[in-house]
C-alpha atoms as a PDB file:
ATOM      1  CA  MET A   1      27.221  -4.109 -11.075  1.00  0.00           C
ATOM      2  CA  LEU A   2      26.083  -3.971  -7.446  1.00  0.00           C
ATOM      3  CA  LYS A   3      29.637  -4.637  -6.278  1.00  0.00           C
ATOM      4  CA  LEU A   4      31.001  -1.796  -8.424  1.00  0.00           C
ATOM      5  CA  THR A   5      28.409   0.627  -7.046  1.00  0.00           C
ATOM      6  CA  PHE A   6      29.298  -0.409  -3.504  1.00  0.00           C
ATOM      7  CA  TYR A   7      33.008   0.226  -4.113  1.00  0.00           C
ATOM      8  CA  LEU A   8      32.281   3.594  -5.729  1.00  0.00           C
ATOM      9  CA  VAL A   9      30.200   4.690  -2.737  1.00  0.00           C
ATOM     10  CA  ILE A  10      32.873   3.521  -0.281  1.00  0.00           C
ATOM     11  CA  GLY A  11      35.538   5.321  -2.326  1.00  0.00           C
ATOM     12  CA  LEU A  12      33.502   8.523  -2.388  1.00  0.00           C
ATOM     13  CA  VAL A  13      32.926   8.412   1.373  1.00  0.00           C
ATOM     14  CA  LEU A  14      36.648   7.864   1.975  1.00  0.00           C
ATOM     15  CA  LEU A  15      37.517  10.751  -0.346  1.00  0.00           C
ATOM     16  CA  ILE A  16      35.151  13.078   1.514  1.00  0.00           C
ATOM     17  CA  CYS A  17      36.558  12.000   4.892  1.00  0.00           C
ATOM     18  CA  LEU A  18      40.134  12.527   3.684  1.00  0.00           C
ATOM     19  CA  THR A  19      39.227  15.981   2.360  1.00  0.00           C
ATOM     20  CA  PHE A  20      37.755  17.018   5.715  1.00  0.00           C
ATOM     21  CA  ALA A  21      40.749  15.566   7.558  1.00  0.00           C
ATOM     22  CA  ALA A  22      43.131  17.550   5.341  1.00  0.00           C
ATOM     23  CA  MET A  23      41.135  20.746   5.945  1.00  0.00           C
ATOM     24  CA  SER A  24      41.340  20.126   9.692  1.00  0.00           C
ATOM     25  CA  VAL A  25      45.112  19.737   9.545  1.00  0.00           C
ATOM     26  CA  LEU A  26      45.434  22.879   7.407  1.00  0.00           C
ATOM     27  CA  SER A  27      43.351  24.893   9.877  1.00  0.00           C
ATOM     28  CA  ARG A  28      45.866  24.089  12.616  1.00  0.00           C
ATOM     29  CA  GLN A  29      48.746  25.364  10.499  1.00  0.00           C
ATOM     30  CA  GLN A  30      47.227  28.751   9.655  1.00  0.00           C
ATOM     31  CA  THR A  31      48.194  31.858  11.553  1.00  0.00           C
ATOM     32  CA  PRO A  32      45.360  33.083  13.784  1.00  0.00           C
ATOM     33  CA  PRO A  33      44.041  36.598  13.189  1.00  0.00           C
ATOM     34  CA  SER A  34      44.896  39.694  15.196  1.00  0.00           C
ATOM     35  CA  LEU A  35      44.032  43.380  15.326  1.00  0.00           C
ATOM     36  CA  VAL A  36      44.712  45.547  12.279  1.00  0.00           C
ATOM     37  CA  ASP A  37      45.160  49.235  13.074  1.00  0.00           C
ATOM     38  CA  GLY A  38      43.344  48.725  16.366  1.00  0.00           C
ATOM     39  CA  LYS A  39      40.303  47.020  14.794  1.00  0.00           C
ATOM     40  CA  LEU A  40      39.234  43.480  14.073  1.00  0.00           C
ATOM     41  CA  SER A  41      40.250  42.126  10.661  1.00  0.00           C
ATOM     42  CA  ALA A  42      37.729  42.306   7.853  1.00  0.00           C
ATOM     43  CA  CYS A  43      36.253  39.010   6.751  1.00  0.00           C
ATOM     44  CA  PRO A  44      37.575  37.258   3.654  1.00  0.00           C
ATOM     45  CA  ALA A  45      35.381  36.976   0.562  1.00  0.00           C
ATOM     46  CA  THR A  46      34.299  33.463   1.580  1.00  0.00           C
ATOM     47  CA  PRO A  47      31.007  33.023   3.502  1.00  0.00           C
ATOM     48  CA  ASN A  48      32.570  31.568   6.662  1.00  0.00           C
ATOM     49  CA  CYS A  49      33.038  34.712   8.750  1.00  0.00           C
ATOM     50  CA  VAL A  50      31.082  37.464  10.477  1.00  0.00           C
ATOM     51  CA  CYS A  51      32.476  40.675  11.940  1.00  0.00           C
ATOM     52  CA  SER A  52      30.855  43.660  13.613  1.00  0.00           C
ATOM     53  CA  GLU A  53      33.527  45.959  12.137  1.00  0.00           C
ATOM     54  CA  ASP A  54      33.064  44.724   8.562  1.00  0.00           C
ATOM     55  CA  PRO A  55      30.763  47.057   6.594  1.00  0.00           C
ATOM     56  CA  ARG A  56      29.728  44.456   3.986  1.00  0.00           C
ATOM     57  CA  ALA A  57      26.151  43.314   4.574  1.00  0.00           C
ATOM     58  CA  ASP A  58      26.875  39.604   4.071  1.00  0.00           C
ATOM     59  CA  ALA A  59      29.694  39.611   6.652  1.00  0.00           C
ATOM     60  CA  HIS A  60      28.370  42.185   9.133  1.00  0.00           C
ATOM     61  CA  ILE A  61      26.909  41.292  12.511  1.00  0.00           C
ATOM     62  CA  GLU A  62      25.937  43.681  15.288  1.00  0.00           C
ATOM     63  CA  PRO A  63      28.418  44.100  18.148  1.00  0.00           C
ATOM     64  CA  LEU A  64      27.622  42.757  21.595  1.00  0.00           C
ATOM     65  CA  ARG A  65      26.026  45.510  23.689  1.00  0.00           C
ATOM     66  CA  PHE A  66      26.295  45.719  27.456  1.00  0.00           C
ATOM     67  CA  THR A  67      24.777  47.823  30.228  1.00  0.00           C
ATOM     68  CA  GLN A  68      27.047  46.913  33.134  1.00  0.00           C
ATOM     69  CA  THR A  69      30.532  48.345  33.590  1.00  0.00           C
ATOM     70  CA  PRO A  70      33.040  47.485  30.852  1.00  0.00           C
ATOM     71  CA  ASP A  71      35.094  45.387  33.298  1.00  0.00           C
ATOM     72  CA  ALA A  72      32.035  43.434  34.425  1.00  0.00           C
ATOM     73  CA  ALA A  73      30.922  42.856  30.822  1.00  0.00           C
ATOM     74  CA  TRP A  74      34.416  41.649  29.903  1.00  0.00           C
ATOM     75  CA  GLN A  75      34.541  39.215  32.838  1.00  0.00           C
ATOM     76  CA  THR A  76      31.075  37.924  31.970  1.00  0.00           C
ATOM     77  CA  LEU A  77      32.118  37.449  28.355  1.00  0.00           C
ATOM     78  CA  LYS A  78      35.133  35.381  29.397  1.00  0.00           C
ATOM     79  CA  GLN A  79      32.927  33.135  31.539  1.00  0.00           C
ATOM     80  CA  ILE A  80      30.438  32.714  28.697  1.00  0.00           C
ATOM     81  CA  ILE A  81      33.198  31.775  26.257  1.00  0.00           C
ATOM     82  CA  THR A  82      34.542  28.992  28.457  1.00  0.00           C
ATOM     83  CA  GLN A  83      31.057  27.760  29.406  1.00  0.00           C
ATOM     84  CA  SER A  84      30.086  27.540  25.727  1.00  0.00           C
ATOM     85  CA  GLY A  85      33.092  25.408  24.798  1.00  0.00           C
ATOM     86  CA  GLY A  86      35.591  28.067  23.764  1.00  0.00           C
ATOM     87  CA  ARG A  87      39.195  28.241  24.868  1.00  0.00           C
ATOM     88  CA  ILE A  88      40.749  31.666  25.438  1.00  0.00           C
ATOM     89  CA  GLU A  89      44.100  31.847  23.670  1.00  0.00           C
ATOM     90  CA  VAL A  90      45.041  35.548  23.937  1.00  0.00           C
ATOM     91  CA  GLU A  91      43.876  38.370  26.185  1.00  0.00           C
ATOM     92  CA  GLN A  92      45.543  41.769  26.279  1.00  0.00           C
ATOM     93  CA  ASN A  93      44.460  45.408  26.523  1.00  0.00           C
ATOM     94  CA  GLY A  94      40.769  44.951  25.758  1.00  0.00           C
ATOM     95  CA  TYR A  95      41.371  42.324  23.067  1.00  0.00           C
ATOM     96  CA  LEU A  96      40.550  38.648  23.388  1.00  0.00           C
ATOM     97  CA  ARG A  97      40.908  35.739  20.971  1.00  0.00           C
ATOM     98  CA  ALA A  98      39.339  32.370  21.649  1.00  0.00           C
ATOM     99  CA  ILE A  99      39.049  29.226  19.597  1.00  0.00           C
ATOM    100  CA  TYR A 100      36.221  26.774  19.173  1.00  0.00           C
ATOM    101  CA  VAL A 101      36.947  23.297  17.802  1.00  0.00           C
ATOM    102  CA  SER A 102      34.270  21.293  15.995  1.00  0.00           C
ATOM    103  CA  ARG A 103      33.493  17.859  17.388  1.00  0.00           C
ATOM    104  CA  ILE A 104      33.916  15.497  14.484  1.00  0.00           C
ATOM    105  CA  PHE A 105      36.602  16.864  12.171  1.00  0.00           C
ATOM    106  CA  ARG A 106      38.240  19.191  14.731  1.00  0.00           C
ATOM    107  CA  PHE A 107      37.960  22.344  12.558  1.00  0.00           C
ATOM    108  CA  ILE A 108      39.147  25.484  14.321  1.00  0.00           C
ATOM    109  CA  ASP A 109      37.110  28.690  14.409  1.00  0.00           C
ATOM    110  CA  ASP A 110      38.696  31.872  15.751  1.00  0.00           C
ATOM    111  CA  VAL A 111      36.461  34.229  17.712  1.00  0.00           C
ATOM    112  CA  GLU A 112      37.850  37.664  18.511  1.00  0.00           C
ATOM    113  CA  PHE A 113      36.532  40.412  20.748  1.00  0.00           C
ATOM    114  CA  ARG A 114      37.532  44.053  21.134  1.00  0.00           C
ATOM    115  CA  LEU A 115      36.188  46.041  24.067  1.00  0.00           C
ATOM    116  CA  ASP A 116      34.794  49.444  23.041  1.00  0.00           C
ATOM    117  CA  PRO A 117      33.864  51.011  26.411  1.00  0.00           C
ATOM    118  CA  ALA A 118      33.030  54.445  24.970  1.00  0.00           C
ATOM    119  CA  ASN A 119      30.153  52.942  22.948  1.00  0.00           C
ATOM    120  CA  GLN A 120      29.299  50.234  25.512  1.00  0.00           C
ATOM    121  CA  VAL A 121      29.848  47.455  22.992  1.00  0.00           C
ATOM    122  CA  ILE A 122      32.175  44.568  22.423  1.00  0.00           C
ATOM    123  CA  GLN A 123      33.155  44.284  18.780  1.00  0.00           C
ATOM    124  CA  VAL A 124      33.193  40.666  17.602  1.00  0.00           C
ATOM    125  CA  ARG A 125      34.599  38.585  14.750  1.00  0.00           C
ATOM    126  CA  SER A 126      34.019  34.860  14.308  1.00  0.00           C
ATOM    127  CA  ALA A 127      35.629  32.996  11.414  1.00  0.00           C
ATOM    128  CA  ALA A 128      36.514  29.517  10.248  1.00  0.00           C
ATOM    129  CA  ARG A 129      40.228  29.058   9.650  1.00  0.00           C
ATOM    130  CA  SER A 130      39.671  26.774   6.683  1.00  0.00           C
ATOM    131  CA  GLY A 131      37.035  25.910   4.143  1.00  0.00           C
ATOM    132  CA  ARG A 132      34.743  28.041   2.077  1.00  0.00           C
ATOM    133  CA  SER A 133      31.445  27.837   3.918  1.00  0.00           C
ATOM    134  CA  ASP A 134      30.622  27.269   7.571  1.00  0.00           C
ATOM    135  CA  LEU A 135      26.883  26.696   7.000  1.00  0.00           C
ATOM    136  CA  GLY A 136      26.126  29.678   9.265  1.00  0.00           C
ATOM    137  CA  VAL A 137      27.947  28.284  12.308  1.00  0.00           C
ATOM    138  CA  ASN A 138      29.901  31.464  13.089  1.00  0.00           C
ATOM    139  CA  ARG A 139      26.857  33.760  12.869  1.00  0.00           C
ATOM    140  CA  ALA A 140      24.886  31.346  15.066  1.00  0.00           C
ATOM    141  CA  ARG A 141      27.759  31.222  17.581  1.00  0.00           C
ATOM    142  CA  VAL A 142      27.835  35.008  17.930  1.00  0.00           C
ATOM    143  CA  GLU A 143      24.061  35.146  18.352  1.00  0.00           C
ATOM    144  CA  HIS A 144      24.294  32.421  21.013  1.00  0.00           C
ATOM    145  CA  LEU A 145      26.985  34.398  22.867  1.00  0.00           C
ATOM    146  CA  ARG A 146      24.821  37.536  22.569  1.00  0.00           C
ATOM    147  CA  ALA A 147      21.848  35.707  24.122  1.00  0.00           C
ATOM    148  CA  LEU A 148      23.995  34.389  26.987  1.00  0.00           C
ATOM    149  CA  LEU A 149      25.423  37.854  27.619  1.00  0.00           C
ATOM    150  CA  ARG A 150      21.900  39.315  27.782  1.00  0.00           C
ATOM    151  CA  GLN A 151      20.804  36.645  30.261  1.00  0.00           C
ATOM    152  CA  THR A 152      23.594  37.485  32.660  1.00  0.00           C
ATOM    153  CA  ALA A 153      23.266  41.279  32.425  1.00  0.00           C
END
């Protein structure tokens, strides 16, 4: 009986690891997001995304506010992204997309920014490419970036 329980536990652990590995591979095959009609994409119905331009309470997060010039805020943001482990993939005309890769299973999260100089904010969207839940990782990431941006302002 003890042997059977051991094999069941080992089998379950292997199944979980294979599931996470498959999700990691799938996240690499998905198309990254981009602007839609000049705004950041709305979040999907799954709880693994936050966006300052999404009106739904469960997905909404406040944009990043800045007091310096828009160019200075943008440069600071780029430094903060790379210092916090992100890799900038696309930057063009006040839009920036970076990725963050989780340590163990190598899941990819896309983080997008849209400069809104008229309102002195940077709109932000952070989303997991795969999976249903991110256990609050994307919301925490945006809040961490917000804190770093405030420290350097």
